[in-house]
Full PDB file with SEQRES, HELIX, SHEET, SSBOND, CRYST1, ORIGX, SCALE, CONECT and MASTER records, all heavy atoms in Angstrom:
SEQRES   1 A   36  VAL THR PRO TRP GLN PHE ALA ASP LEU LYS ALA LEU GLY          
SEQRES   2 A   36  ILE THR GLN GLU ARG ALA GLU HIS GLU VAL LEU TRP VAL          
SEQRES   3 A   36  SER PRO VAL GLY ALA VAL HIS GLY GLY ALA                      
HELIX    1 AA1 TRP A    4  PHE A    6  5                                   3    
HELIX    2 AA2 LEU A    9  LEU A   12  1                                   4    
HELIX    3 AA3 GLN A   16  HIS A   21  1                                   6    
SHEET    1 AA1 2 LEU A  24  VAL A  26  0                                        
SHEET    2 AA1 2 VAL A  32  GLY A  34 -1                                        
CRYST1    1.000    1.000    1.000  90.00  90.00  90.00 P 1           1          
ORIGX1      1.000000  0.000000  0.000000        0.00000                         
ORIGX2      0.000000  1.000000  0.000000        0.00000                         
ORIGX3      0.000000  0.000000  1.000000        0.00000                         
SCALE1      1.000000  0.000000  0.000000        0.00000                         
SCALE2      0.000000  1.000000  0.000000        0.00000                         
SCALE3      0.000000  0.000000  1.000000        0.00000                         
ATOM      1  N   VAL A   1       0.855  -1.182   0.000  1.00  0.00           N  
ATOM      2  CA  VAL A   1       0.000   0.000   0.000  1.00  0.00           C  
ATOM      3  C   VAL A   1       0.888   1.227   0.000  1.00  0.00           C  
ATOM      4  O   VAL A   1       1.792   1.350   0.826  1.00  0.00           O  
ATOM      5  CB  VAL A   1      -0.920   0.009   1.246  1.00  0.00           C  
ATOM      6  CG1 VAL A   1      -1.788   1.248   1.270  1.00  0.00           C  
ATOM      7  CG2 VAL A   1      -1.772  -1.253   1.282  1.00  0.00           C  
ATOM      8  N   THR A   2       0.626   2.146  -0.937  1.00  0.00           N  
ATOM      9  CA  THR A   2       1.463   3.340  -1.029  1.00  0.00           C  
ATOM     10  C   THR A   2       0.661   4.538  -1.539  1.00  0.00           C  
ATOM     11  O   THR A   2      -0.189   4.378  -2.417  1.00  0.00           O  
ATOM     12  CB  THR A   2       2.680   3.095  -1.947  1.00  0.00           C  
ATOM     13  OG1 THR A   2       3.542   4.224  -1.908  1.00  0.00           O  
ATOM     14  CG2 THR A   2       2.275   2.844  -3.386  1.00  0.00           C  
ATOM     15  N   PRO A   3       0.920   5.729  -0.983  1.00  0.00           N  
ATOM     16  CA  PRO A   3       0.298   6.937  -1.551  1.00  0.00           C  
ATOM     17  C   PRO A   3       0.907   7.208  -2.921  1.00  0.00           C  
ATOM     18  O   PRO A   3       2.095   6.942  -3.131  1.00  0.00           O  
ATOM     19  CB  PRO A   3       0.667   8.045  -0.564  1.00  0.00           C  
ATOM     20  CG  PRO A   3       1.483   7.434   0.503  1.00  0.00           C  
ATOM     21  CD  PRO A   3       1.733   6.014   0.179  1.00  0.00           C  
ATOM     22  N   TRP A   4       0.114   7.724  -3.833  1.00  0.00           N  
ATOM     23  CA  TRP A   4       0.642   7.974  -5.174  1.00  0.00           C  
ATOM     24  C   TRP A   4       1.768   9.000  -5.129  1.00  0.00           C  
ATOM     25  O   TRP A   4       2.663   8.993  -5.974  1.00  0.00           O  
ATOM     26  CB  TRP A   4      -0.458   8.370  -6.160  1.00  0.00           C  
ATOM     27  CG  TRP A   4      -1.072   9.728  -5.977  1.00  0.00           C  
ATOM     28  CD1 TRP A   4      -2.270  10.006  -5.411  1.00  0.00           C  
ATOM     29  CD2 TRP A   4      -0.545  10.989  -6.383  1.00  0.00           C  
ATOM     30  NE1 TRP A   4      -2.506  11.359  -5.424  1.00  0.00           N  
ATOM     31  CE2 TRP A   4      -1.464  11.992  -6.023  1.00  0.00           C  
ATOM     32  CE3 TRP A   4       0.626  11.386  -7.026  1.00  0.00           C  
ATOM     33  CZ2 TRP A   4      -1.264  13.336  -6.274  1.00  0.00           C  
ATOM     34  CZ3 TRP A   4       0.832  12.743  -7.276  1.00  0.00           C  
ATOM     35  CH2 TRP A   4      -0.107  13.695  -6.906  1.00  0.00           C  
ATOM     36  N   GLN A   5       1.749   9.879  -4.120  1.00  0.00           N  
ATOM     37  CA  GLN A   5       2.761  10.915  -4.014  1.00  0.00           C  
ATOM     38  C   GLN A   5       4.166  10.331  -3.816  1.00  0.00           C  
ATOM     39  O   GLN A   5       5.154  10.988  -4.100  1.00  0.00           O  
ATOM     40  CB  GLN A   5       2.443  11.879  -2.862  1.00  0.00           C  
ATOM     41  CG  GLN A   5       1.210  12.714  -3.097  1.00  0.00           C  
ATOM     42  CD  GLN A   5      -0.106  12.048  -2.700  1.00  0.00           C  
ATOM     43  OE1 GLN A   5      -0.181  10.850  -2.435  1.00  0.00           O  
ATOM     44  NE2 GLN A   5      -1.177  12.824  -2.680  1.00  0.00           N  
ATOM     45  N   PHE A   6       4.254   9.092  -3.321  1.00  0.00           N  
ATOM     46  CA  PHE A   6       5.546   8.453  -3.084  1.00  0.00           C  
ATOM     47  C   PHE A   6       5.765   7.232  -3.970  1.00  0.00           C  
ATOM     48  O   PHE A   6       6.752   6.526  -3.799  1.00  0.00           O  
ATOM     49  CB  PHE A   6       5.685   8.052  -1.613  1.00  0.00           C  
ATOM     50  CG  PHE A   6       5.644   9.234  -0.689  1.00  0.00           C  
ATOM     51  CD1 PHE A   6       4.705   9.291   0.329  1.00  0.00           C  
ATOM     52  CD2 PHE A   6       6.516  10.299  -0.834  1.00  0.00           C  
ATOM     53  CE1 PHE A   6       4.656  10.384   1.188  1.00  0.00           C  
ATOM     54  CE2 PHE A   6       6.472  11.387   0.008  1.00  0.00           C  
ATOM     55  CZ  PHE A   6       5.540  11.436   1.027  1.00  0.00           C  
ATOM     56  N   ALA A   7       4.851   6.955  -4.874  1.00  0.00           N  
ATOM     57  CA  ALA A   7       4.956   5.784  -5.749  1.00  0.00           C  
ATOM     58  C   ALA A   7       5.690   6.149  -7.036  1.00  0.00           C  
ATOM     59  O   ALA A   7       5.672   7.298  -7.477  1.00  0.00           O  
ATOM     60  CB  ALA A   7       3.558   5.271  -6.082  1.00  0.00           C  
ATOM     61  N   ASP A   8       6.322   5.166  -7.633  1.00  0.00           N  
ATOM     62  CA  ASP A   8       6.923   5.325  -8.956  1.00  0.00           C  
ATOM     63  C   ASP A   8       5.814   5.050  -9.965  1.00  0.00           C  
ATOM     64  O   ASP A   8       5.637   3.915 -10.418  1.00  0.00           O  
ATOM     65  CB  ASP A   8       8.102   4.369  -9.128  1.00  0.00           C  
ATOM     66  CG  ASP A   8       8.838   4.567 -10.442  1.00  0.00           C  
ATOM     67  OD1 ASP A   8       8.331   5.294 -11.328  1.00  0.00           O  
ATOM     68  OD2 ASP A   8       9.931   3.976 -10.588  1.00  0.00           O  
ATOM     69  N   LEU A   9       5.036   6.081 -10.262  1.00  0.00           N  
ATOM     70  CA  LEU A   9       3.849   5.917 -11.097  1.00  0.00           C  
ATOM     71  C   LEU A   9       4.204   5.375 -12.478  1.00  0.00           C  
ATOM     72  O   LEU A   9       3.500   4.519 -13.014  1.00  0.00           O  
ATOM     73  CB  LEU A   9       3.094   7.243 -11.215  1.00  0.00           C  
ATOM     74  CG  LEU A   9       2.553   7.815  -9.902  1.00  0.00           C  
ATOM     75  CD1 LEU A   9       1.858   9.146 -10.151  1.00  0.00           C  
ATOM     76  CD2 LEU A   9       1.617   6.835  -9.212  1.00  0.00           C  
ATOM     77  N   LYS A  10       5.285   5.861 -13.045  1.00  0.00           N  
ATOM     78  CA  LYS A  10       5.680   5.406 -14.382  1.00  0.00           C  
ATOM     79  C   LYS A  10       5.968   3.909 -14.366  1.00  0.00           C  
ATOM     80  O   LYS A  10       5.526   3.179 -15.245  1.00  0.00           O  
ATOM     81  CB  LYS A  10       6.902   6.181 -14.866  1.00  0.00           C  
ATOM     82  CG  LYS A  10       7.297   5.852 -16.275  1.00  0.00           C  
ATOM     83  CD  LYS A  10       8.429   6.720 -16.754  1.00  0.00           C  
ATOM     84  CE  LYS A  10       8.795   6.370 -18.181  1.00  0.00           C  
ATOM     85  NZ  LYS A  10       9.925   7.155 -18.666  1.00  0.00           N  
ATOM     86  N   ALA A  11       6.689   3.436 -13.361  1.00  0.00           N  
ATOM     87  CA  ALA A  11       7.006   2.007 -13.267  1.00  0.00           C  
ATOM     88  C   ALA A  11       5.744   1.172 -13.071  1.00  0.00           C  
ATOM     89  O   ALA A  11       5.679   0.026 -13.517  1.00  0.00           O  
ATOM     90  CB  ALA A  11       7.984   1.747 -12.127  1.00  0.00           C  
ATOM     91  N   LEU A  12       4.741   1.744 -12.409  1.00  0.00           N  
ATOM     92  CA  LEU A  12       3.484   1.030 -12.177  1.00  0.00           C  
ATOM     93  C   LEU A  12       2.545   1.092 -13.385  1.00  0.00           C  
ATOM     94  O   LEU A  12       1.532   0.404 -13.409  1.00  0.00           O  
ATOM     95  CB  LEU A  12       2.770   1.587 -10.938  1.00  0.00           C  
ATOM     96  CG  LEU A  12       3.467   1.317  -9.605  1.00  0.00           C  
ATOM     97  CD1 LEU A  12       2.776   2.085  -8.484  1.00  0.00           C  
ATOM     98  CD2 LEU A  12       3.495  -0.172  -9.309  1.00  0.00           C  
ATOM     99  N   GLY A  13       2.876   1.953 -14.351  1.00  0.00           N  
ATOM    100  CA  GLY A  13       2.049   2.061 -15.552  1.00  0.00           C  
ATOM    101  C   GLY A  13       0.806   2.900 -15.372  1.00  0.00           C  
ATOM    102  O   GLY A  13      -0.194   2.682 -16.053  1.00  0.00           O  
ATOM    103  N   ILE A  14       0.864   3.872 -14.463  1.00  0.00           N  
ATOM    104  CA  ILE A  14      -0.286   4.751 -14.247  1.00  0.00           C  
ATOM    105  C   ILE A  14       0.152   6.207 -14.329  1.00  0.00           C  
ATOM    106  O   ILE A  14       1.311   6.534 -14.106  1.00  0.00           O  
ATOM    107  CB  ILE A  14      -0.989   4.475 -12.896  1.00  0.00           C  
ATOM    108  CG1 ILE A  14      -0.010   4.542 -11.727  1.00  0.00           C  
ATOM    109  CG2 ILE A  14      -1.670   3.128 -12.920  1.00  0.00           C  
ATOM    110  CD1 ILE A  14      -0.634   4.281 -10.372  1.00  0.00           C  
ATOM    111  N   THR A  15      -0.792   7.055 -14.665  1.00  0.00           N  
ATOM    112  CA  THR A  15      -0.508   8.480 -14.745  1.00  0.00           C  
ATOM    113  C   THR A  15      -0.901   9.171 -13.444  1.00  0.00           C  
ATOM    114  O   THR A  15      -1.741   8.660 -12.698  1.00  0.00           O  
ATOM    115  CB  THR A  15      -1.300   9.135 -15.897  1.00  0.00           C  
ATOM    116  OG1 THR A  15      -2.702   9.018 -15.613  1.00  0.00           O  
ATOM    117  CG2 THR A  15      -0.967   8.487 -17.245  1.00  0.00           C  
ATOM    118  N   GLN A  16      -0.312  10.326 -13.211  1.00  0.00           N  
ATOM    119  CA  GLN A  16      -0.666  11.096 -12.021  1.00  0.00           C  
ATOM    120  C   GLN A  16      -2.132  11.505 -12.075  1.00  0.00           C  
ATOM    121  O   GLN A  16      -2.825  11.479 -11.054  1.00  0.00           O  
ATOM    122  CB  GLN A  16       0.215  12.335 -11.886  1.00  0.00           C  
ATOM    123  CG  GLN A  16      -0.133  13.163 -10.667  1.00  0.00           C  
ATOM    124  CD  GLN A  16       0.770  14.357 -10.458  1.00  0.00           C  
ATOM    125  OE1 GLN A  16       1.929  14.341 -10.857  1.00  0.00           O  
ATOM    126  NE2 GLN A  16       0.251  15.394  -9.842  1.00  0.00           N  
ATOM    127  N   GLU A  17      -2.616  11.854 -13.261  1.00  0.00           N  
ATOM    128  CA  GLU A  17      -4.020  12.257 -13.400  1.00  0.00           C  
ATOM    129  C   GLU A  17      -4.954  11.143 -12.921  1.00  0.00           C  
ATOM    130  O   GLU A  17      -5.927  11.405 -12.224  1.00  0.00           O  
ATOM    131  CB  GLU A  17      -4.340  12.620 -14.857  1.00  0.00           C  
ATOM    132  CG  GLU A  17      -3.650  13.885 -15.339  1.00  0.00           C  
ATOM    133  CD  GLU A  17      -2.189  13.663 -15.759  1.00  0.00           C  
ATOM    134  OE1 GLU A  17      -1.750  12.512 -15.921  1.00  0.00           O  
ATOM    135  OE2 GLU A  17      -1.471  14.665 -15.905  1.00  0.00           O  
ATOM    136  N   ARG A  18      -4.645   9.914 -13.302  1.00  0.00           N  
ATOM    137  CA  ARG A  18      -5.504   8.811 -12.873  1.00  0.00           C  
ATOM    138  C   ARG A  18      -5.357   8.564 -11.380  1.00  0.00           C  
ATOM    139  O   ARG A  18      -6.343   8.295 -10.687  1.00  0.00           O  
ATOM    140  CB  ARG A  18      -5.183   7.533 -13.654  1.00  0.00           C  
ATOM    141  CG  ARG A  18      -6.159   6.424 -13.290  1.00  0.00           C  
ATOM    142  CD  ARG A  18      -6.211   5.309 -14.256  1.00  0.00           C  
ATOM    143  NE  ARG A  18      -7.268   4.380 -13.867  1.00  0.00           N  
ATOM    144  CZ  ARG A  18      -7.343   3.140 -14.293  1.00  0.00           C  
ATOM    145  NH1 ARG A  18      -6.432   2.676 -15.124  1.00  0.00           N  
ATOM    146  NH2 ARG A  18      -8.328   2.366 -13.885  1.00  0.00           N  
ATOM    147  N   ALA A  19      -4.139   8.636 -10.868  1.00  0.00           N  
ATOM    148  CA  ALA A  19      -3.906   8.408  -9.438  1.00  0.00           C  
ATOM    149  C   ALA A  19      -4.608   9.463  -8.586  1.00  0.00           C  
ATOM    150  O   ALA A  19      -5.044   9.171  -7.475  1.00  0.00           O  
ATOM    151  CB  ALA A  19      -2.410   8.399  -9.146  1.00  0.00           C  
ATOM    152  N   GLU A  20      -4.719  10.692  -9.087  1.00  0.00           N  
ATOM    153  CA  GLU A  20      -5.430  11.748  -8.366  1.00  0.00           C  
ATOM    154  C   GLU A  20      -6.935  11.501  -8.374  1.00  0.00           C  
ATOM    155  O   GLU A  20      -7.649  11.980  -7.505  1.00  0.00           O  
ATOM    156  CB  GLU A  20      -5.167  13.114  -9.008  1.00  0.00           C  
ATOM    157  CG  GLU A  20      -3.779  13.650  -8.780  1.00  0.00           C  
ATOM    158  CD  GLU A  20      -3.560  14.982  -9.486  1.00  0.00           C  
ATOM    159  OE1 GLU A  20      -4.475  15.492 -10.167  1.00  0.00           O  
ATOM    160  OE2 GLU A  20      -2.459  15.511  -9.358  1.00  0.00           O  
ATOM    161  N   HIS A  21      -7.418  10.753  -9.353  1.00  0.00           N  
ATOM    162  CA  HIS A  21      -8.850  10.574  -9.591  1.00  0.00           C  
ATOM    163  C   HIS A  21      -9.469   9.432  -8.785  1.00  0.00           C  
ATOM    164  O   HIS A  21     -10.636   9.514  -8.388  1.00  0.00           O  
ATOM    165  CB  HIS A  21      -9.064  10.333 -11.087  1.00  0.00           C  
ATOM    166  CG  HIS A  21     -10.471  10.139 -11.503  1.00  0.00           C  
ATOM    167  ND1 HIS A  21     -11.405  11.143 -11.474  1.00  0.00           N  
ATOM    168  CD2 HIS A  21     -11.123   9.046 -11.952  1.00  0.00           C  
ATOM    169  CE1 HIS A  21     -12.562  10.672 -11.896  1.00  0.00           C  
ATOM    170  NE2 HIS A  21     -12.415   9.409 -12.187  1.00  0.00           N  
ATOM    171  N   GLU A  22      -8.693   8.355  -8.538  1.00  0.00           N  
ATOM    172  CA  GLU A  22      -9.272   7.178  -7.894  1.00  0.00           C  
ATOM    173  C   GLU A  22      -8.188   6.303  -7.276  1.00  0.00           C  
ATOM    174  O   GLU A  22      -7.027   6.389  -7.639  1.00  0.00           O  
ATOM    175  CB  GLU A  22     -10.079   6.347  -8.900  1.00  0.00           C  
ATOM    176  CG  GLU A  22      -9.249   5.837 -10.059  1.00  0.00           C  
ATOM    177  CD  GLU A  22     -10.068   5.193 -11.155  1.00  0.00           C  
ATOM    178  OE1 GLU A  22     -11.262   4.895 -10.943  1.00  0.00           O  
ATOM    179  OE2 GLU A  22      -9.515   4.974 -12.239  1.00  0.00           O  
ATOM    180  N   VAL A  23      -8.613   5.456  -6.334  1.00  0.00           N  
ATOM    181  CA  VAL A  23      -7.707   4.461  -5.771  1.00  0.00           C  
ATOM    182  C   VAL A  23      -7.425   3.447  -6.878  1.00  0.00           C  
ATOM    183  O   VAL A  23      -8.294   3.168  -7.708  1.00  0.00           O  
ATOM    184  CB  VAL A  23      -8.325   3.794  -4.512  1.00  0.00           C  
ATOM    185  CG1 VAL A  23      -9.549   2.989  -4.842  1.00  0.00           C  
ATOM    186  CG2 VAL A  23      -7.313   2.941  -3.791  1.00  0.00           C  
ATOM    187  N   LEU A  24      -6.191   2.930  -6.909  1.00  0.00           N  
ATOM    188  CA  LEU A  24      -5.799   2.019  -7.979  1.00  0.00           C  
ATOM    189  C   LEU A  24      -5.182   0.740  -7.429  1.00  0.00           C  
ATOM    190  O   LEU A  24      -4.433   0.781  -6.445  1.00  0.00           O  
ATOM    191  CB  LEU A  24      -4.786   2.705  -8.910  1.00  0.00           C  
ATOM    192  CG  LEU A  24      -5.302   3.953  -9.618  1.00  0.00           C  
ATOM    193  CD1 LEU A  24      -4.153   4.722 -10.240  1.00  0.00           C  
ATOM    194  CD2 LEU A  24      -6.333   3.583 -10.660  1.00  0.00           C  
ATOM    195  N   TRP A  25      -5.480  -0.364  -8.072  1.00  0.00           N  
ATOM    196  CA  TRP A  25      -4.905  -1.674  -7.752  1.00  0.00           C  
ATOM    197  C   TRP A  25      -4.088  -2.082  -8.961  1.00  0.00           C  
ATOM    198  O   TRP A  25      -4.614  -2.203 -10.068  1.00  0.00           O  
ATOM    199  CB  TRP A  25      -6.019  -2.678  -7.513  1.00  0.00           C  
ATOM    200  CG  TRP A  25      -5.549  -4.056  -7.206  1.00  0.00           C  
ATOM    201  CD1 TRP A  25      -5.293  -5.054  -8.113  1.00  0.00           C  
ATOM    202  CD2 TRP A  25      -5.284  -4.609  -5.920  1.00  0.00           C  
ATOM    203  NE1 TRP A  25      -4.894  -6.176  -7.456  1.00  0.00           N  
ATOM    204  CE2 TRP A  25      -4.879  -5.940  -6.099  1.00  0.00           C  
ATOM    205  CE3 TRP A  25      -5.359  -4.100  -4.620  1.00  0.00           C  
ATOM    206  CZ2 TRP A  25      -4.538  -6.776  -5.048  1.00  0.00           C  
ATOM    207  CZ3 TRP A  25      -5.022  -4.934  -3.562  1.00  0.00           C  
ATOM    208  CH2 TRP A  25      -4.627  -6.252  -3.782  1.00  0.00           C  
ATOM    209  N   VAL A  26      -2.789  -2.282  -8.767  1.00  0.00           N  
ATOM    210  CA  VAL A  26      -1.909  -2.714  -9.851  1.00  0.00           C  
ATOM    211  C   VAL A  26      -1.523  -4.162  -9.570  1.00  0.00           C  
ATOM    212  O   VAL A  26      -0.902  -4.462  -8.539  1.00  0.00           O  
ATOM    213  CB  VAL A  26      -0.654  -1.826  -9.952  1.00  0.00           C  
ATOM    214  CG1 VAL A  26       0.214  -2.254 -11.133  1.00  0.00           C  
ATOM    215  CG2 VAL A  26      -1.041  -0.353 -10.077  1.00  0.00           C  
ATOM    216  N   SER A  27      -1.898  -5.058 -10.477  1.00  0.00           N  
ATOM    217  CA  SER A  27      -1.620  -6.482 -10.292  1.00  0.00           C  
ATOM    218  C   SER A  27      -0.151  -6.779 -10.600  1.00  0.00           C  
ATOM    219  O   SER A  27       0.535  -5.965 -11.228  1.00  0.00           O  
ATOM    220  CB  SER A  27      -2.523  -7.319 -11.202  1.00  0.00           C  
ATOM    221  OG  SER A  27      -2.034  -7.279 -12.527  1.00  0.00           O  
ATOM    222  N   PRO A  28       0.331  -7.949 -10.192  1.00  0.00           N  
ATOM    223  CA  PRO A  28       1.722  -8.308 -10.480  1.00  0.00           C  
ATOM    224  C   PRO A  28       2.074  -8.317 -11.971  1.00  0.00           C  
ATOM    225  O   PRO A  28       3.230  -8.137 -12.321  1.00  0.00           O  
ATOM    226  CB  PRO A  28       1.862  -9.713  -9.874  1.00  0.00           C  
ATOM    227  CG  PRO A  28       0.880  -9.726  -8.758  1.00  0.00           C  
ATOM    228  CD  PRO A  28      -0.293  -8.921  -9.291  1.00  0.00           C  
ATOM    229  N   VAL A  29       1.086  -8.508 -12.842  1.00  0.00           N  
ATOM    230  CA  VAL A  29       1.368  -8.496 -14.281  1.00  0.00           C  
ATOM    231  C   VAL A  29       1.123  -7.123 -14.908  1.00  0.00           C  
ATOM    232  O   VAL A  29       1.214  -6.967 -16.116  1.00  0.00           O  
ATOM    233  CB  VAL A  29       0.560  -9.578 -15.038  1.00  0.00           C  
ATOM    234  CG1 VAL A  29       0.979 -10.963 -14.597  1.00  0.00           C  
ATOM    235  CG2 VAL A  29      -0.928  -9.366 -14.871  1.00  0.00           C  
ATOM    236  N   GLY A  30       0.793  -6.125 -14.079  1.00  0.00           N  
ATOM    237  CA  GLY A  30       0.649  -4.758 -14.564  1.00  0.00           C  
ATOM    238  C   GLY A  30      -0.759  -4.330 -14.913  1.00  0.00           C  
ATOM    239  O   GLY A  30      -0.965  -3.215 -15.376  1.00  0.00           O  
ATOM    240  N   ALA A  31      -1.763  -5.187 -14.702  1.00  0.00           N  
ATOM    241  CA  ALA A  31      -3.150  -4.780 -14.953  1.00  0.00           C  
ATOM    242  C   ALA A  31      -3.546  -3.760 -13.885  1.00  0.00           C  
ATOM    243  O   ALA A  31      -3.234  -3.940 -12.704  1.00  0.00           O  
ATOM    244  CB  ALA A  31      -4.083  -5.984 -14.901  1.00  0.00           C  
ATOM    245  N   VAL A  32      -4.216  -2.691 -14.316  1.00  0.00           N  
ATOM    246  CA  VAL A  32      -4.606  -1.623 -13.397  1.00  0.00           C  
ATOM    247  C   VAL A  32      -6.130  -1.585 -13.287  1.00  0.00           C  
ATOM    248  O   VAL A  32      -6.831  -1.534 -14.296  1.00  0.00           O  
ATOM    249  CB  VAL A  32      -4.077  -0.252 -13.872  1.00  0.00           C  
ATOM    250  CG1 VAL A  32      -4.494   0.853 -12.909  1.00  0.00           C  
ATOM    251  CG2 VAL A  32      -2.565  -0.284 -14.037  1.00  0.00           C  
ATOM    252  N   HIS A  33      -6.611  -1.631 -12.051  1.00  0.00           N  
ATOM    253  CA  HIS A  33      -8.045  -1.545 -11.774  1.00  0.00           C  
ATOM    254  C   HIS A  33      -8.253  -0.321 -10.885  1.00  0.00           C  
ATOM    255  O   HIS A  33      -7.498  -0.099  -9.945  1.00  0.00           O  
ATOM    256  CB  HIS A  33      -8.527  -2.799 -11.044  1.00  0.00           C  
ATOM    257  CG  HIS A  33      -8.215  -4.054 -11.787  1.00  0.00           C  
ATOM    258  ND1 HIS A  33      -9.049  -4.569 -12.745  1.00  0.00           N  
ATOM    259  CD2 HIS A  33      -7.142  -4.881 -11.736  1.00  0.00           C  
ATOM    260  CE1 HIS A  33      -8.515  -5.664 -13.246  1.00  0.00           C  
ATOM    261  NE2 HIS A  33      -7.353  -5.874 -12.645  1.00  0.00           N  
ATOM    262  N   GLY A  34      -9.290   0.463 -11.198  1.00  0.00           N  
ATOM    263  CA  GLY A  34      -9.517   1.678 -10.434  1.00  0.00           C  
ATOM    264  C   GLY A  34     -10.861   1.714  -9.749  1.00  0.00           C  
ATOM    265  O   GLY A  34     -11.778   0.971 -10.091  1.00  0.00           O  
ATOM    266  N   GLY A  35     -10.955   2.591  -8.744  1.00  0.00           N  
ATOM    267  CA  GLY A  35     -12.212   2.833  -8.053  1.00  0.00           C  
ATOM    268  C   GLY A  35     -12.744   1.615  -7.333  1.00  0.00           C  
ATOM    269  O   GLY A  35     -12.027   0.922  -6.615  1.00  0.00           O  
ATOM    270  N   ALA A  36     -14.028   1.326  -7.545  1.00  0.00           N  
ATOM    271  CA  ALA A  36     -14.686   0.216  -6.866  1.00  0.00           C  
ATOM    272  C   ALA A  36     -14.046  -1.118  -7.221  1.00  0.00           C  
ATOM    273  O   ALA A  36     -13.997  -2.031  -6.390  1.00  0.00           O  
ATOM    274  CB  ALA A  36     -16.175   0.198  -7.212  1.00  0.00           C  
TER     275      ALA A  36                                                      
MASTER        0    0    0    3    2    0    0    6  274    1    0    3          
END                                                                             
């Protein structure tokens, strides 16, 4: 669990805009799920 402010967003494959918009779950294979 990490705040986006301290995460390596690029390495996780997510943008700051998306991280500001919703909670995100990044799977071990890089799939990103947001919100609910």
